[in-house]
């Protein structure tokens, strides 16, 4: 009698993948495409602390060490340890697990630095709709400078550039160079061209109500990220004072508005029909 075989990994034909180092513009591009096209937007950054909690629960030494170190000391460790404590490699597998737990429709556009060619290659089903944005050194420096980062995070983010570029070359992955001539709209158009086949097949959200629910999903992920951060004993501040620019949930196809809202003021779960939408001034609930 043959032994039962473990189930094969689930393919993810509904996922469009965008990777690249910090400062590449992944979030800006993915968010715009998702809102224009009626896609689910999975932002890996919004799952950072959830992933860290999962790694801690699994006993991952680098995740545990990160939490134990005083904040000032975390960024003074050797570069190799910075990468280890960032969970860059471990989070890729967690992202795939997250995506497998999502509904198969509509299409999901997933973006994040831990999305690497090696991670996407683990997903069965043939070549995926994927692209890696690679900013020039000047563009990345300028964008990271705008974030006001300290020396430690800057060291980590710059160290990831070479690693990601090497992996893109090794796997022959599709890359899109971002330089001074690449505006947001030009980059979005280039990425949409790469994803044209998948976008034409869909499925995508068709109604304002469907789009509003996708926007609530993305907004809720941000709330969970803040809450997981503020739950840490070493975290400064709290959700009552933190403010974020949330996407307007009116569900209009042409809406690109955001609204600044304190995390504590975001509607509490459950996210059902009775939950009030987050709306920009003059906008109304989707019908």
C-alpha atoms as a PDB file:
ATOM      1  CA  UNK A   1       0.000   0.000   0.000  1.00  0.00           C
ATOM      2  CA  UNK A   2       1.471   3.337  -1.040  1.00  0.00           C
ATOM      3  CA  UNK A   3       1.926   6.066   1.502  1.00  0.00           C
ATOM      4  CA  UNK A   4      -0.289   9.141   1.203  1.00  0.00           C
ATOM      5  CA  UNK A   5       1.578  11.964  -0.468  1.00  0.00           C
ATOM      6  CA  UNK A   6       1.676  15.466   1.005  1.00  0.00           C
ATOM      7  CA  UNK A   7      -0.449  17.991  -0.884  1.00  0.00           C
ATOM      8  CA  UNK A   8       1.319  19.915  -3.605  1.00  0.00           C
ATOM      9  CA  UNK A   9       1.979  23.602  -2.930  1.00  0.00           C
ATOM     10  CA  UNK A  10      -0.849  25.784  -4.143  1.00  0.00           C
ATOM     11  CA  UNK A  11      -0.254  27.775  -7.310  1.00  0.00           C
ATOM     12  CA  UNK A  12      -1.029  31.485  -7.190  1.00  0.00           C
ATOM     13  CA  UNK A  13      -2.045  32.499 -10.719  1.00  0.00           C
ATOM     14  CA  UNK A  14      -4.091  35.378  -9.282  1.00  0.00           C
ATOM     15  CA  UNK A  15      -1.015  37.142  -7.855  1.00  0.00           C
ATOM     16  CA  UNK A  16       1.005  39.855  -9.584  1.00  0.00           C
ATOM     17  CA  UNK A  17       4.387  40.244  -7.893  1.00  0.00           C
ATOM     18  CA  UNK A  18       6.446  43.427  -7.465  1.00  0.00           C
ATOM     19  CA  UNK A  19       9.802  43.252  -5.707  1.00  0.00           C
ATOM     20  CA  UNK A  20      12.814  45.479  -5.314  1.00  0.00           C
ATOM     21  CA  UNK A  21      14.847  47.201  -2.607  1.00  0.00           C
ATOM     22  CA  UNK A  22      13.526  49.944  -0.329  1.00  0.00           C
ATOM     23  CA  UNK A  23      13.179  53.216  -2.195  1.00  0.00           C
ATOM     24  CA  UNK A  24      12.270  51.568  -5.501  1.00  0.00           C
ATOM     25  CA  UNK A  25       8.685  52.876  -5.496  1.00  0.00           C
ATOM     26  CA  UNK A  26       6.982  49.488  -5.132  1.00  0.00           C
ATOM     27  CA  UNK A  27       4.252  50.680  -2.783  1.00  0.00           C
ATOM     28  CA  UNK A  28       3.405  53.772  -4.816  1.00  0.00           C
ATOM     29  CA  UNK A  29       3.141  51.766  -8.037  1.00  0.00           C
ATOM     30  CA  UNK A  30       1.204  48.825  -6.595  1.00  0.00           C
ATOM     31  CA  UNK A  31      -1.237  51.047  -4.711  1.00  0.00           C
ATOM     32  CA  UNK A  32      -2.024  53.074  -7.826  1.00  0.00           C
ATOM     33  CA  UNK A  33      -2.523  50.011 -10.009  1.00  0.00           C
ATOM     34  CA  UNK A  34      -4.718  48.342  -7.394  1.00  0.00           C
ATOM     35  CA  UNK A  35      -6.990  51.371  -7.051  1.00  0.00           C
ATOM     36  CA  UNK A  36      -7.249  51.958 -10.790  1.00  0.00           C
ATOM     37  CA  UNK A  37      -7.805  48.356 -11.767  1.00  0.00           C
ATOM     38  CA  UNK A  38      -9.883  47.024  -8.881  1.00  0.00           C
ATOM     39  CA  UNK A  39      -7.243  44.676  -7.472  1.00  0.00           C
ATOM     40  CA  UNK A  40      -6.470  43.562  -3.952  1.00  0.00           C
ATOM     41  CA  UNK A  41      -3.301  45.258  -2.715  1.00  0.00           C
ATOM     42  CA  UNK A  42      -1.032  43.203  -0.468  1.00  0.00           C
ATOM     43  CA  UNK A  43       1.603  45.452   1.087  1.00  0.00           C
ATOM     44  CA  UNK A  44       4.327  43.379   2.758  1.00  0.00           C
ATOM     45  CA  UNK A  45       5.338  46.323   4.958  1.00  0.00           C
ATOM     46  CA  UNK A  46       1.886  46.237   6.564  1.00  0.00           C
ATOM     47  CA  UNK A  47       2.613  42.694   7.780  1.00  0.00           C
ATOM     48  CA  UNK A  48       6.090  43.312   9.211  1.00  0.00           C
ATOM     49  CA  UNK A  49       5.227  43.001  12.890  1.00  0.00           C
ATOM     50  CA  UNK A  50       2.774  40.160  12.328  1.00  0.00           C
ATOM     51  CA  UNK A  51       5.580  38.269  10.581  1.00  0.00           C
ATOM     52  CA  UNK A  52       7.959  39.080  13.404  1.00  0.00           C
ATOM     53  CA  UNK A  53       5.472  37.703  15.920  1.00  0.00           C
ATOM     54  CA  UNK A  54       5.185  34.502  13.898  1.00  0.00           C
ATOM     55  CA  UNK A  55       8.964  34.168  13.785  1.00  0.00           C
ATOM     56  CA  UNK A  56       9.210  34.713  17.540  1.00  0.00           C
ATOM     57  CA  UNK A  57       6.519  32.098  18.162  1.00  0.00           C
ATOM     58  CA  UNK A  58       8.531  29.680  16.011  1.00  0.00           C
ATOM     59  CA  UNK A  59      11.635  30.363  18.107  1.00  0.00           C
ATOM     60  CA  UNK A  60      13.611  32.157  15.400  1.00  0.00           C
ATOM     61  CA  UNK A  61      16.855  33.327  17.091  1.00  0.00           C
ATOM     62  CA  UNK A  62      17.333  36.522  15.054  1.00  0.00           C
ATOM     63  CA  UNK A  63      13.744  37.633  15.635  1.00  0.00           C
ATOM     64  CA  UNK A  64      14.087  37.026  19.362  1.00  0.00           C
ATOM     65  CA  UNK A  65      17.424  38.850  19.485  1.00  0.00           C
ATOM     66  CA  UNK A  66      15.963  41.876  17.687  1.00  0.00           C
ATOM     67  CA  UNK A  67      13.264  42.251  20.336  1.00  0.00           C
ATOM     68  CA  UNK A  68      15.714  41.734  23.207  1.00  0.00           C
ATOM     69  CA  UNK A  69      18.297  44.288  22.104  1.00  0.00           C
ATOM     70  CA  UNK A  70      17.898  47.913  23.215  1.00  0.00           C
ATOM     71  CA  UNK A  71      16.661  49.987  20.292  1.00  0.00           C
ATOM     72  CA  UNK A  72      19.917  51.943  20.006  1.00  0.00           C
ATOM     73  CA  UNK A  73      21.977  48.749  19.789  1.00  0.00           C
ATOM     74  CA  UNK A  74      19.935  47.019  17.082  1.00  0.00           C
ATOM     75  CA  UNK A  75      21.434  49.110  14.338  1.00  0.00           C
ATOM     76  CA  UNK A  76      25.065  48.931  15.478  1.00  0.00           C
ATOM     77  CA  UNK A  77      25.498  45.205  14.825  1.00  0.00           C
ATOM     78  CA  UNK A  78      27.445  43.881  11.792  1.00  0.00           C
ATOM     79  CA  UNK A  79      25.735  44.111   8.416  1.00  0.00           C
ATOM     80  CA  UNK A  80      25.188  40.357   8.178  1.00  0.00           C
ATOM     81  CA  UNK A  81      23.353  40.420  11.493  1.00  0.00           C
ATOM     82  CA  UNK A  82      21.279  43.390  10.362  1.00  0.00           C
ATOM     83  CA  UNK A  83      20.046  41.335   7.420  1.00  0.00           C
ATOM     84  CA  UNK A  84      19.399  38.314   9.639  1.00  0.00           C
ATOM     85  CA  UNK A  85      17.389  40.350  12.145  1.00  0.00           C
ATOM     86  CA  UNK A  86      15.398  41.968   9.326  1.00  0.00           C
ATOM     87  CA  UNK A  87      14.019  38.469   8.536  1.00  0.00           C
ATOM     88  CA  UNK A  88      14.418  39.345   4.865  1.00  0.00           C
ATOM     89  CA  UNK A  89      14.712  35.716   3.783  1.00  0.00           C
ATOM     90  CA  UNK A  90      12.198  34.245   6.229  1.00  0.00           C
ATOM     91  CA  UNK A  91       9.462  36.758   5.459  1.00  0.00           C
ATOM     92  CA  UNK A  92       9.298  35.753   1.804  1.00  0.00           C
ATOM     93  CA  UNK A  93       7.864  32.369   2.763  1.00  0.00           C
ATOM     94  CA  UNK A  94       5.426  34.032   5.157  1.00  0.00           C
ATOM     95  CA  UNK A  95       4.220  36.323   2.375  1.00  0.00           C
ATOM     96  CA  UNK A  96       3.505  33.318   0.162  1.00  0.00           C
ATOM     97  CA  UNK A  97       1.530  31.742   3.015  1.00  0.00           C
ATOM     98  CA  UNK A  98      -0.432  34.980   3.465  1.00  0.00           C
ATOM     99  CA  UNK A  99      -1.280  35.113  -0.230  1.00  0.00           C
ATOM    100  CA  UNK A 100      -2.442  31.503  -0.263  1.00  0.00           C
ATOM    101  CA  UNK A 101      -4.890  32.356   2.528  1.00  0.00           C
ATOM    102  CA  UNK A 102      -6.532  35.137   0.485  1.00  0.00           C
ATOM    103  CA  UNK A 103      -9.523  34.648  -1.843  1.00  0.00           C
ATOM    104  CA  UNK A 104      -8.659  33.645  -5.399  1.00  0.00           C
ATOM    105  CA  UNK A 105     -10.585  36.618  -6.792  1.00  0.00           C
ATOM    106  CA  UNK A 106      -9.965  39.348  -7.634  1.00  0.00           C
ATOM    107  CA  UNK A 107      -6.343  39.554  -8.712  1.00  0.00           C
ATOM    108  CA  UNK A 108      -3.907  40.492  -5.949  1.00  0.00           C
ATOM    109  CA  UNK A 109      -0.957  42.777  -6.538  1.00  0.00           C
ATOM    110  CA  UNK A 110       1.655  41.908  -3.925  1.00  0.00           C
ATOM    111  CA  UNK A 111       4.666  44.098  -3.291  1.00  0.00           C
ATOM    112  CA  UNK A 112       7.536  44.169  -0.854  1.00  0.00           C
ATOM    113  CA  UNK A 113      11.288  43.920  -0.495  1.00  0.00           C
ATOM    114  CA  UNK A 114      11.144  40.301   0.804  1.00  0.00           C
ATOM    115  CA  UNK A 115       9.455  39.288  -2.476  1.00  0.00           C
ATOM    116  CA  UNK A 116      12.498  37.964  -4.306  1.00  0.00           C
ATOM    117  CA  UNK A 117      12.906  35.854  -7.455  1.00  0.00           C
ATOM    118  CA  UNK A 118      13.818  32.876  -5.262  1.00  0.00           C
ATOM    119  CA  UNK A 119      10.567  33.257  -3.320  1.00  0.00           C
ATOM    120  CA  UNK A 120       8.413  33.534  -6.443  1.00  0.00           C
ATOM    121  CA  UNK A 121      10.216  30.529  -7.943  1.00  0.00           C
ATOM    122  CA  UNK A 122       8.899  28.356  -5.086  1.00  0.00           C
ATOM    123  CA  UNK A 123       5.330  28.913  -6.275  1.00  0.00           C
ATOM    124  CA  UNK A 124       4.292  26.212  -8.771  1.00  0.00           C
ATOM    125  CA  UNK A 125       2.468  26.903 -11.985  1.00  0.00           C
ATOM    126  CA  UNK A 126       5.073  28.243 -14.369  1.00  0.00           C
ATOM    127  CA  UNK A 127       6.447  31.763 -14.823  1.00  0.00           C
ATOM    128  CA  UNK A 128       4.601  34.269 -12.676  1.00  0.00           C
ATOM    129  CA  UNK A 129       3.581  37.802 -13.602  1.00  0.00           C
ATOM    130  CA  UNK A 130       6.422  39.502 -11.773  1.00  0.00           C
ATOM    131  CA  UNK A 131       8.812  42.417 -11.951  1.00  0.00           C
ATOM    132  CA  UNK A 132      11.592  43.819  -9.794  1.00  0.00           C
ATOM    133  CA  UNK A 133      12.022  47.580  -9.641  1.00  0.00           C
ATOM    134  CA  UNK A 134      15.680  48.546  -9.449  1.00  0.00           C
ATOM    135  CA  UNK A 135      16.325  52.200  -8.593  1.00  0.00           C
ATOM    136  CA  UNK A 136      19.555  53.903  -9.519  1.00  0.00           C
ATOM    137  CA  UNK A 137      21.824  54.660  -6.574  1.00  0.00           C
ATOM    138  CA  UNK A 138      20.959  58.365  -6.861  1.00  0.00           C
ATOM    139  CA  UNK A 139      17.214  57.729  -6.852  1.00  0.00           C
ATOM    140  CA  UNK A 140      17.383  55.383  -3.886  1.00  0.00           C
ATOM    141  CA  UNK A 141      19.548  57.786  -1.879  1.00  0.00           C
ATOM    142  CA  UNK A 142      17.159  60.651  -2.541  1.00  0.00           C
ATOM    143  CA  UNK A 143      14.053  58.657  -1.638  1.00  0.00           C
ATOM    144  CA  UNK A 144      15.541  57.201   1.533  1.00  0.00           C
ATOM    145  CA  UNK A 145      16.769  60.653   2.536  1.00  0.00           C
ATOM    146  CA  UNK A 146      13.177  61.892   2.326  1.00  0.00           C
ATOM    147  CA  UNK A 147      12.200  59.306   4.943  1.00  0.00           C
ATOM    148  CA  UNK A 148      14.634  60.768   7.458  1.00  0.00           C
ATOM    149  CA  UNK A 149      16.137  57.383   8.287  1.00  0.00           C
ATOM    150  CA  UNK A 150      19.003  56.948  10.709  1.00  0.00           C
ATOM    151  CA  UNK A 151      22.327  55.366   9.729  1.00  0.00           C
ATOM    152  CA  UNK A 152      21.363  51.820  10.784  1.00  0.00           C
ATOM    153  CA  UNK A 153      18.276  51.397   8.594  1.00  0.00           C
ATOM    154  CA  UNK A 154      20.104  53.100   5.725  1.00  0.00           C
ATOM    155  CA  UNK A 155      22.905  50.548   5.991  1.00  0.00           C
ATOM    156  CA  UNK A 156      20.406  47.683   5.945  1.00  0.00           C
ATOM    157  CA  UNK A 157      18.424  49.040   3.014  1.00  0.00           C
ATOM    158  CA  UNK A 158      21.499  49.717   0.910  1.00  0.00           C
ATOM    159  CA  UNK A 159      22.914  46.286   1.669  1.00  0.00           C
ATOM    160  CA  UNK A 160      19.759  44.678   0.304  1.00  0.00           C
ATOM    161  CA  UNK A 161      20.281  46.330  -3.084  1.00  0.00           C
ATOM    162  CA  UNK A 162      23.233  44.169  -4.085  1.00  0.00           C
ATOM    163  CA  UNK A 163      21.620  40.986  -2.804  1.00  0.00           C
ATOM    164  CA  UNK A 164      18.395  41.589  -4.725  1.00  0.00           C
ATOM    165  CA  UNK A 165      20.205  42.626  -7.910  1.00  0.00           C
ATOM    166  CA  UNK A 166      22.316  39.456  -7.802  1.00  0.00           C
ATOM    167  CA  UNK A 167      19.240  37.290  -7.369  1.00  0.00           C
ATOM    168  CA  UNK A 168      17.387  39.018 -10.208  1.00  0.00           C
ATOM    169  CA  UNK A 169      20.368  38.308 -12.463  1.00  0.00           C
ATOM    170  CA  UNK A 170      20.696  34.712 -11.258  1.00  0.00           C
ATOM    171  CA  UNK A 171      17.053  33.894 -11.977  1.00  0.00           C
ATOM    172  CA  UNK A 172      16.816  35.964 -15.151  1.00  0.00           C
ATOM    173  CA  UNK A 173      13.890  37.807 -13.584  1.00  0.00           C
ATOM    174  CA  UNK A 174      12.150  40.730 -15.230  1.00  0.00           C
ATOM    175  CA  UNK A 175      13.607  44.004 -13.976  1.00  0.00           C
ATOM    176  CA  UNK A 176      12.622  47.604 -14.495  1.00  0.00           C
ATOM    177  CA  UNK A 177      15.308  50.211 -13.913  1.00  0.00           C
ATOM    178  CA  UNK A 178      14.091  53.346 -12.130  1.00  0.00           C
ATOM    179  CA  UNK A 179      16.190  56.408 -12.916  1.00  0.00           C
ATOM    180  CA  UNK A 180      15.778  60.162 -13.029  1.00  0.00           C
ATOM    181  CA  UNK A 181      13.694  59.934 -16.199  1.00  0.00           C
ATOM    182  CA  UNK A 182      11.117  57.608 -14.623  1.00  0.00           C
ATOM    183  CA  UNK A 183       8.123  59.469 -13.224  1.00  0.00           C
ATOM    184  CA  UNK A 184       5.399  57.670 -11.306  1.00  0.00           C
ATOM    185  CA  UNK A 185       3.002  57.526 -14.250  1.00  0.00           C
ATOM    186  CA  UNK A 186       5.708  56.235 -16.580  1.00  0.00           C
ATOM    187  CA  UNK A 187       6.657  53.535 -14.092  1.00  0.00           C
ATOM    188  CA  UNK A 188       3.026  52.529 -13.564  1.00  0.00           C
ATOM    189  CA  UNK A 189       2.515  52.290 -17.330  1.00  0.00           C
ATOM    190  CA  UNK A 190       5.629  50.140 -17.703  1.00  0.00           C
ATOM    191  CA  UNK A 191       4.522  47.772 -14.928  1.00  0.00           C
ATOM    192  CA  UNK A 192       0.993  47.554 -16.330  1.00  0.00           C
ATOM    193  CA  UNK A 193       2.491  46.617 -19.689  1.00  0.00           C
ATOM    194  CA  UNK A 194       4.388  43.759 -18.039  1.00  0.00           C
ATOM    195  CA  UNK A 195       1.180  42.627 -16.323  1.00  0.00           C
ATOM    196  CA  UNK A 196      -1.023  43.234 -19.381  1.00  0.00           C
ATOM    197  CA  UNK A 197      -1.855  39.580 -19.973  1.00  0.00           C
ATOM    198  CA  UNK A 198      -2.929  38.908 -16.406  1.00  0.00           C
ATOM    199  CA  UNK A 199      -4.803  42.206 -16.137  1.00  0.00           C
ATOM    200  CA  UNK A 200      -6.770  41.469 -19.297  1.00  0.00           C
ATOM    201  CA  UNK A 201      -7.855  38.070 -17.967  1.00  0.00           C
ATOM    202  CA  UNK A 202      -8.790  39.274 -14.479  1.00  0.00           C
ATOM    203  CA  UNK A 203     -10.847  38.845 -12.445  1.00  0.00           C
ATOM    204  CA  UNK A 204     -11.039  42.361 -11.036  1.00  0.00           C
ATOM    205  CA  UNK A 205     -13.509  44.184  -8.815  1.00  0.00           C
ATOM    206  CA  UNK A 206     -16.399  45.392 -10.957  1.00  0.00           C
ATOM    207  CA  UNK A 207     -18.591  47.356  -8.559  1.00  0.00           C
ATOM    208  CA  UNK A 208     -18.028  50.235  -6.164  1.00  0.00           C
ATOM    209  CA  UNK A 209     -18.944  47.954  -3.278  1.00  0.00           C
ATOM    210  CA  UNK A 210     -16.318  45.393  -4.286  1.00  0.00           C
ATOM    211  CA  UNK A 211     -13.665  48.089  -4.610  1.00  0.00           C
ATOM    212  CA  UNK A 212     -14.631  49.529  -1.223  1.00  0.00           C
ATOM    213  CA  UNK A 213     -14.148  46.131   0.422  1.00  0.00           C
ATOM    214  CA  UNK A 214     -10.684  45.815  -1.113  1.00  0.00           C
ATOM    215  CA  UNK A 215      -9.763  49.258   0.185  1.00  0.00           C
ATOM    216  CA  UNK A 216     -10.973  48.276   3.651  1.00  0.00           C
ATOM    217  CA  UNK A 217      -8.769  45.173   3.482  1.00  0.00           C
ATOM    218  CA  UNK A 218      -5.708  47.313   2.717  1.00  0.00           C
ATOM    219  CA  UNK A 219      -6.592  49.896   5.359  1.00  0.00           C
ATOM    220  CA  UNK A 220      -7.228  47.232   7.993  1.00  0.00           C
ATOM    221  CA  UNK A 221      -3.785  45.741   7.346  1.00  0.00           C
ATOM    222  CA  UNK A 222      -2.249  49.130   8.138  1.00  0.00           C
ATOM    223  CA  UNK A 223      -4.196  49.354  11.403  1.00  0.00           C
ATOM    224  CA  UNK A 224      -3.019  45.879  12.405  1.00  0.00           C
ATOM    225  CA  UNK A 225       0.569  46.873  11.637  1.00  0.00           C
ATOM    226  CA  UNK A 226       0.395  49.919  13.911  1.00  0.00           C
ATOM    227  CA  UNK A 227      -1.323  47.971  16.677  1.00  0.00           C
ATOM    228  CA  UNK A 228       1.291  45.215  16.582  1.00  0.00           C
ATOM    229  CA  UNK A 229       4.054  47.818  16.770  1.00  0.00           C
ATOM    230  CA  UNK A 230       2.528  49.740  19.661  1.00  0.00           C
ATOM    231  CA  UNK A 231       1.895  46.499  21.551  1.00  0.00           C
ATOM    232  CA  UNK A 232       5.636  46.044  21.987  1.00  0.00           C
ATOM    233  CA  UNK A 233       6.941  47.024  25.437  1.00  0.00           C
ATOM    234  CA  UNK A 234       9.792  49.053  23.945  1.00  0.00           C
ATOM    235  CA  UNK A 235       7.603  50.942  21.463  1.00  0.00           C
ATOM    236  CA  UNK A 236       7.346  54.723  21.945  1.00  0.00           C
ATOM    237  CA  UNK A 237       3.976  56.415  21.531  1.00  0.00           C
ATOM    238  CA  UNK A 238       0.605  54.768  21.077  1.00  0.00           C
ATOM    239  CA  UNK A 239      -2.225  54.361  18.598  1.00  0.00           C
ATOM    240  CA  UNK A 240      -4.152  57.255  20.097  1.00  0.00           C
ATOM    241  CA  UNK A 241      -1.643  59.744  18.716  1.00  0.00           C
ATOM    242  CA  UNK A 242      -0.418  57.981  15.542  1.00  0.00           C
ATOM    243  CA  UNK A 243      -1.957  59.306  12.324  1.00  0.00           C
ATOM    244  CA  UNK A 244      -1.944  57.598   8.937  1.00  0.00           C
ATOM    245  CA  UNK A 245      -3.153  58.568   5.459  1.00  0.00           C
ATOM    246  CA  UNK A 246      -5.818  55.940   4.737  1.00  0.00           C
ATOM    247  CA  UNK A 247      -7.301  55.308   1.315  1.00  0.00           C
ATOM    248  CA  UNK A 248     -10.792  56.713   0.860  1.00  0.00           C
ATOM    249  CA  UNK A 249     -13.237  53.804   0.849  1.00  0.00           C
ATOM    250  CA  UNK A 250     -15.923  55.361  -1.341  1.00  0.00           C
ATOM    251  CA  UNK A 251     -15.184  52.756  -4.004  1.00  0.00           C
ATOM    252  CA  UNK A 252     -15.411  55.186  -6.904  1.00  0.00           C
ATOM    253  CA  UNK A 253     -13.328  54.000  -9.823  1.00  0.00           C
ATOM    254  CA  UNK A 254     -11.605  57.371 -10.204  1.00  0.00           C
ATOM    255  CA  UNK A 255     -10.999  58.072  -6.507  1.00  0.00           C
ATOM    256  CA  UNK A 256      -7.362  58.434  -5.443  1.00  0.00           C
ATOM    257  CA  UNK A 257      -8.015  60.447  -2.271  1.00  0.00           C
ATOM    258  CA  UNK A 258      -6.588  59.703   1.157  1.00  0.00           C
ATOM    259  CA  UNK A 259      -7.746  60.868   4.558  1.00  0.00           C
ATOM    260  CA  UNK A 260      -5.542  61.441   7.598  1.00  0.00           C
ATOM    261  CA  UNK A 261      -6.963  59.554  10.546  1.00  0.00           C
ATOM    262  CA  UNK A 262      -5.685  58.499  13.952  1.00  0.00           C
ATOM    263  CA  UNK A 263      -5.284  54.749  14.241  1.00  0.00           C
ATOM    264  CA  UNK A 264      -7.522  54.790  17.308  1.00  0.00           C
ATOM    265  CA  UNK A 265     -10.295  56.445  15.267  1.00  0.00           C
ATOM    266  CA  UNK A 266     -10.364  53.824  12.513  1.00  0.00           C
ATOM    267  CA  UNK A 267     -13.658  51.866  12.586  1.00  0.00           C
ATOM    268  CA  UNK A 268     -13.476  48.825  14.828  1.00  0.00           C
ATOM    269  CA  UNK A 269     -14.058  45.327  13.432  1.00  0.00           C
ATOM    270  CA  UNK A 270     -15.974  43.561  12.089  1.00  0.00           C
ATOM    271  CA  UNK A 271     -15.602  44.967   8.590  1.00  0.00           C
ATOM    272  CA  UNK A 272     -19.162  44.309   7.508  1.00  0.00           C
ATOM    273  CA  UNK A 273     -21.941  46.348   5.941  1.00  0.00           C
ATOM    274  CA  UNK A 274     -22.632  48.085   9.254  1.00  0.00           C
ATOM    275  CA  UNK A 275     -19.068  49.380   9.569  1.00  0.00           C
ATOM    276  CA  UNK A 276     -18.798  53.066   8.596  1.00  0.00           C
ATOM    277  CA  UNK A 277     -16.447  53.641   5.656  1.00  0.00           C
ATOM    278  CA  UNK A 278     -13.442  55.935   5.817  1.00  0.00           C
ATOM    279  CA  UNK A 279     -14.362  58.720   3.412  1.00  0.00           C
ATOM    280  CA  UNK A 280     -12.639  61.784   2.026  1.00  0.00           C
ATOM    281  CA  UNK A 281     -14.630  65.035   2.339  1.00  0.00           C
ATOM    282  CA  UNK A 282     -17.542  65.091  -0.090  1.00  0.00           C
ATOM    283  CA  UNK A 283     -17.359  61.364  -0.834  1.00  0.00           C
ATOM    284  CA  UNK A 284     -20.122  58.882  -0.077  1.00  0.00           C
ATOM    285  CA  UNK A 285     -20.482  55.211   0.794  1.00  0.00           C
ATOM    286  CA  UNK A 286     -20.337  52.810  -2.137  1.00  0.00           C
ATOM    287  CA  UNK A 287     -23.669  51.426  -3.302  1.00  0.00           C
END
